[in-house]
Amino acid sequence: MKDYFGYVGKNVVVTGASSGMGKATAEMLVDLGAKVYALDWNECSVNGI
């Protein structure tokens, strides 16, 4: 995916990151080079967080 918004090296907080749209968003941001912090009641299993 092309990084149109310049997420490389940015700090990002994703809520609901253990499933659904939150997980997909967290995975995408990690792939784009952002430093992702995840919040959720359940354990988040996204590599790179």
Protein backbone atom coordinates (compact mmCIF):
# COMPACT_ATOMS: atom_id res chain seq x y z
CA MET A 1 0.00 0.00 0.00
CA LYS A 2 1.26 3.48 -0.83
CA ASP A 3 1.87 5.73 2.19
CA TYR A 4 -0.05 8.82 1.04
CA PHE A 5 -0.28 10.33 4.54
CA GLY A 6 3.34 9.83 5.68
CA TYR A 7 2.92 7.36 8.55
CA VAL A 8 6.58 6.26 8.53
CA GLY A 9 7.98 6.92 12.01
CA LYS A 10 4.73 8.39 13.36
CA ASN A 11 3.18 7.32 16.68
CA VAL A 12 -0.38 6.05 16.30
CA VAL A 13 -2.95 4.81 18.85
CA VAL A 14 -5.54 2.29 17.63
CA THR A 15 -8.50 1.35 19.84
CA GLY A 16 -10.26 -1.97 19.36
CA ALA A 17 -7.11 -3.43 17.81
CA SER A 18 -7.67 -7.10 18.65
CA SER A 19 -10.31 -7.76 15.98
CA GLY A 20 -12.25 -6.41 13.03
CA MET A 21 -11.57 -2.99 11.58
CA GLY A 22 -9.29 -2.00 14.46
CA LYS A 23 -7.04 -5.00 13.85
CA ALA A 24 -6.97 -4.36 10.10
CA THR A 25 -6.08 -0.71 10.74
CA ALA A 26 -3.30 -1.63 13.17
CA GLU A 27 -1.84 -4.16 10.70
CA MET A 28 -1.95 -1.63 7.86
CA LEU A 29 -0.26 1.08 9.94
CA VAL A 30 2.50 -1.30 11.05
CA ASP A 31 3.07 -2.24 7.39
CA LEU A 32 3.31 1.47 6.53
CA GLY A 33 6.05 1.99 9.13
CA ALA A 34 4.13 3.64 11.97
CA LYS A 35 4.83 2.90 15.64
CA VAL A 36 1.45 1.53 16.75
CA TYR A 37 0.07 1.45 20.29
CA ALA A 38 -2.98 -0.79 20.63
CA LEU A 39 -5.83 -0.56 23.15
CA ASP A 40 -8.44 -3.26 23.66
CA TRP A 41 -10.00 -5.42 26.36
CA ASN A 42 -8.68 -8.54 24.61
CA GLU A 43 -5.04 -9.34 23.89
CA CYS A 44 -3.91 -7.98 20.53
CA SER A 45 -2.03 -10.43 18.31
CA VAL A 46 -0.75 -8.06 15.61
CA ASN A 47 2.96 -8.46 14.90
CA GLY A 48 4.88 -5.23 15.33
CA ILE A 49 2.83 -3.76 18.15
